Amino acid sequence: MVNGHSKDILMDADCAVVEVEEQLATESLPPAVSAGLQAQASNGKLVKVETLTKKGKLVAYEAQVLTKGKKLEVQVRPNGEPFGHEE
């Protein structure tokens, strides 16, 4: 935990940072991202939202969604558009 939120860092064998997932407050999302995640979540509730950064570049926002007692994960691009695949 860092400042009350989670931050996961993936490093390669040479200790270079490859990927960072950092939790953020749902209310701090850009409007297009919030709308995109909610569209992907359908009737589910966004319970945790993270940024996904690879090699220093923001590549996606992802959210854990709770739907009828089941958790799933959805992702959108930084502009809020859906991916055709998982980043």
C-alpha atoms as a PDB file:
ATOM      1  CA  MET A   1       0.000   0.000   0.000  1.00  0.00           C
ATOM      2  CA  VAL A   2       1.179   3.479  -0.902  1.00  0.00           C
ATOM      3  CA  ASN A   3      -0.825   6.459   0.375  1.00  0.00           C
ATOM      4  CA  GLY A   4      -3.838   4.212   0.990  1.00  0.00           C
ATOM      5  CA  HIS A   5      -3.866   2.501  -2.401  1.00  0.00           C
ATOM      6  CA  SER A   6      -2.111  -0.466  -3.989  1.00  0.00           C
ATOM      7  CA  LYS A   7       0.753  -0.310  -6.444  1.00  0.00           C
ATOM      8  CA  ASP A   8       2.121  -3.446  -8.130  1.00  0.00           C
ATOM      9  CA  ILE A   9       5.434  -3.316  -9.976  1.00  0.00           C
ATOM     10  CA  LEU A  10       6.682  -6.020 -12.369  1.00  0.00           C
ATOM     11  CA  MET A  11      10.425  -6.073 -13.031  1.00  0.00           C
ATOM     12  CA  ASP A  12      12.487  -8.109 -15.473  1.00  0.00           C
ATOM     13  CA  ALA A  13      15.605 -10.142 -14.623  1.00  0.00           C
ATOM     14  CA  ASP A  14      17.761  -6.992 -14.894  1.00  0.00           C
ATOM     15  CA  CYS A  15      15.519  -5.161 -12.384  1.00  0.00           C
ATOM     16  CA  ALA A  16      14.101  -2.842 -15.042  1.00  0.00           C
ATOM     17  CA  VAL A  17      10.479  -1.847 -14.479  1.00  0.00           C
ATOM     18  CA  VAL A  18       8.305  -3.536 -17.100  1.00  0.00           C
ATOM     19  CA  GLU A  19       4.790  -2.864 -15.819  1.00  0.00           C
ATOM     20  CA  VAL A  20       3.100  -0.860 -13.067  1.00  0.00           C
ATOM     21  CA  GLU A  21      -0.494  -1.252 -11.889  1.00  0.00           C
ATOM     22  CA  GLU A  22      -1.566   1.563  -9.585  1.00  0.00           C
ATOM     23  CA  GLN A  23      -4.931   1.862  -7.877  1.00  0.00           C
ATOM     24  CA  LEU A  24      -6.813   5.136  -8.092  1.00  0.00           C
ATOM     25  CA  ALA A  25     -10.112   6.504  -6.882  1.00  0.00           C
ATOM     26  CA  THR A  26     -13.042   5.951  -9.241  1.00  0.00           C
ATOM     27  CA  GLU A  27     -14.027   9.603  -8.959  1.00  0.00           C
ATOM     28  CA  SER A  28     -10.607  10.700 -10.273  1.00  0.00           C
ATOM     29  CA  LEU A  29     -11.057   8.919 -13.616  1.00  0.00           C
ATOM     30  CA  PRO A  30     -11.299  10.995 -16.795  1.00  0.00           C
ATOM     31  CA  PRO A  31     -14.978  11.086 -17.890  1.00  0.00           C
ATOM     32  CA  ALA A  32     -14.375   9.045 -21.080  1.00  0.00           C
ATOM     33  CA  VAL A  33     -12.539   6.340 -19.112  1.00  0.00           C
ATOM     34  CA  SER A  34     -15.237   6.205 -16.443  1.00  0.00           C
ATOM     35  CA  ALA A  35     -17.934   5.855 -19.119  1.00  0.00           C
ATOM     36  CA  GLY A  36     -15.927   3.213 -20.991  1.00  0.00           C
ATOM     37  CA  LEU A  37     -15.319   1.093 -17.895  1.00  0.00           C
ATOM     38  CA  GLN A  38     -18.945   1.344 -16.838  1.00  0.00           C
ATOM     39  CA  ALA A  39     -20.066   0.333 -20.350  1.00  0.00           C
ATOM     40  CA  GLN A  40     -17.777  -2.725 -20.147  1.00  0.00           C
ATOM     41  CA  ALA A  41     -19.072  -3.512 -16.650  1.00  0.00           C
ATOM     42  CA  SER A  42     -22.698  -3.316 -17.799  1.00  0.00           C
ATOM     43  CA  ASN A  43     -24.821  -3.655 -14.638  1.00  0.00           C
ATOM     44  CA  GLY A  44     -21.845  -4.571 -12.444  1.00  0.00           C
ATOM     45  CA  LYS A  45     -20.253  -2.366  -9.797  1.00  0.00           C
ATOM     46  CA  LEU A  46     -16.701  -1.061 -10.229  1.00  0.00           C
ATOM     47  CA  VAL A  47     -14.950  -2.085  -7.004  1.00  0.00           C
ATOM     48  CA  LYS A  48     -11.294  -1.328  -7.795  1.00  0.00           C
ATOM     49  CA  VAL A  49      -9.776   0.767 -10.571  1.00  0.00           C
ATOM     50  CA  GLU A  50      -6.125   0.797 -11.651  1.00  0.00           C
ATOM     51  CA  THR A  51      -3.915   2.380 -14.266  1.00  0.00           C
ATOM     52  CA  LEU A  52      -1.721   0.011 -16.270  1.00  0.00           C
ATOM     53  CA  THR A  53       1.616   1.456 -17.349  1.00  0.00           C
ATOM     54  CA  LYS A  54       4.120  -0.442 -19.518  1.00  0.00           C
ATOM     55  CA  LYS A  55       7.639   0.851 -20.142  1.00  0.00           C
ATOM     56  CA  GLY A  56       6.636   4.226 -18.721  1.00  0.00           C
ATOM     57  CA  LYS A  57       3.564   4.669 -20.947  1.00  0.00           C
ATOM     58  CA  LEU A  58      -0.055   4.552 -19.765  1.00  0.00           C
ATOM     59  CA  VAL A  59      -1.617   1.792 -21.883  1.00  0.00           C
ATOM     60  CA  ALA A  60      -4.896   1.003 -20.118  1.00  0.00           C
ATOM     61  CA  TYR A  61      -7.266   1.483 -17.237  1.00  0.00           C
ATOM     62  CA  GLU A  62      -8.636  -1.680 -15.674  1.00  0.00           C
ATOM     63  CA  ALA A  63     -11.357  -2.297 -13.154  1.00  0.00           C
ATOM     64  CA  GLN A  64     -12.508  -5.171 -11.013  1.00  0.00           C
ATOM     65  CA  VAL A  65     -16.239  -5.514 -11.433  1.00  0.00           C
ATOM     66  CA  LEU A  66     -18.651  -7.212  -9.046  1.00  0.00           C
ATOM     67  CA  THR A  67     -21.670  -8.733 -10.784  1.00  0.00           C
ATOM     68  CA  LYS A  68     -24.075 -11.049  -8.975  1.00  0.00           C
ATOM     69  CA  GLY A  69     -21.403 -12.030  -6.455  1.00  0.00           C
ATOM     70  CA  LYS A  70     -18.741 -12.748  -9.116  1.00  0.00           C
ATOM     71  CA  LYS A  71     -15.641 -10.677  -9.809  1.00  0.00           C
ATOM     72  CA  LEU A  72     -14.323 -10.047 -13.286  1.00  0.00           C
ATOM     73  CA  GLU A  73     -11.890  -7.575 -14.813  1.00  0.00           C
ATOM     74  CA  VAL A  74     -12.511  -5.122 -17.636  1.00  0.00           C
ATOM     75  CA  GLN A  75     -10.078  -2.842 -19.460  1.00  0.00           C
ATOM     76  CA  VAL A  76     -10.273   0.231 -21.659  1.00  0.00           C
ATOM     77  CA  ARG A  77      -7.711   2.292 -23.539  1.00  0.00           C
ATOM     78  CA  PRO A  78      -6.570   5.633 -22.063  1.00  0.00           C
ATOM     79  CA  ASN A  79      -9.213   7.329 -24.248  1.00  0.00           C
ATOM     80  CA  GLY A  80     -11.984   5.123 -22.809  1.00  0.00           C
ATOM     81  CA  GLU A  81     -12.408   2.892 -25.864  1.00  0.00           C
ATOM     82  CA  PRO A  82     -12.554  -0.886 -25.329  1.00  0.00           C
ATOM     83  CA  PHE A  83      -9.740  -3.253 -26.275  1.00  0.00           C
ATOM     84  CA  GLY A  84     -10.287  -6.217 -28.539  1.00  0.00           C
ATOM     85  CA  HIS A  85      -7.877  -8.089 -26.224  1.00  0.00           C
ATOM     86  CA  GLU A  86      -6.409  -7.874 -22.731  1.00  0.00           C
ATOM     87  CA  GLU A  87      -3.323  -5.681 -22.301  1.00  0.00           C
END
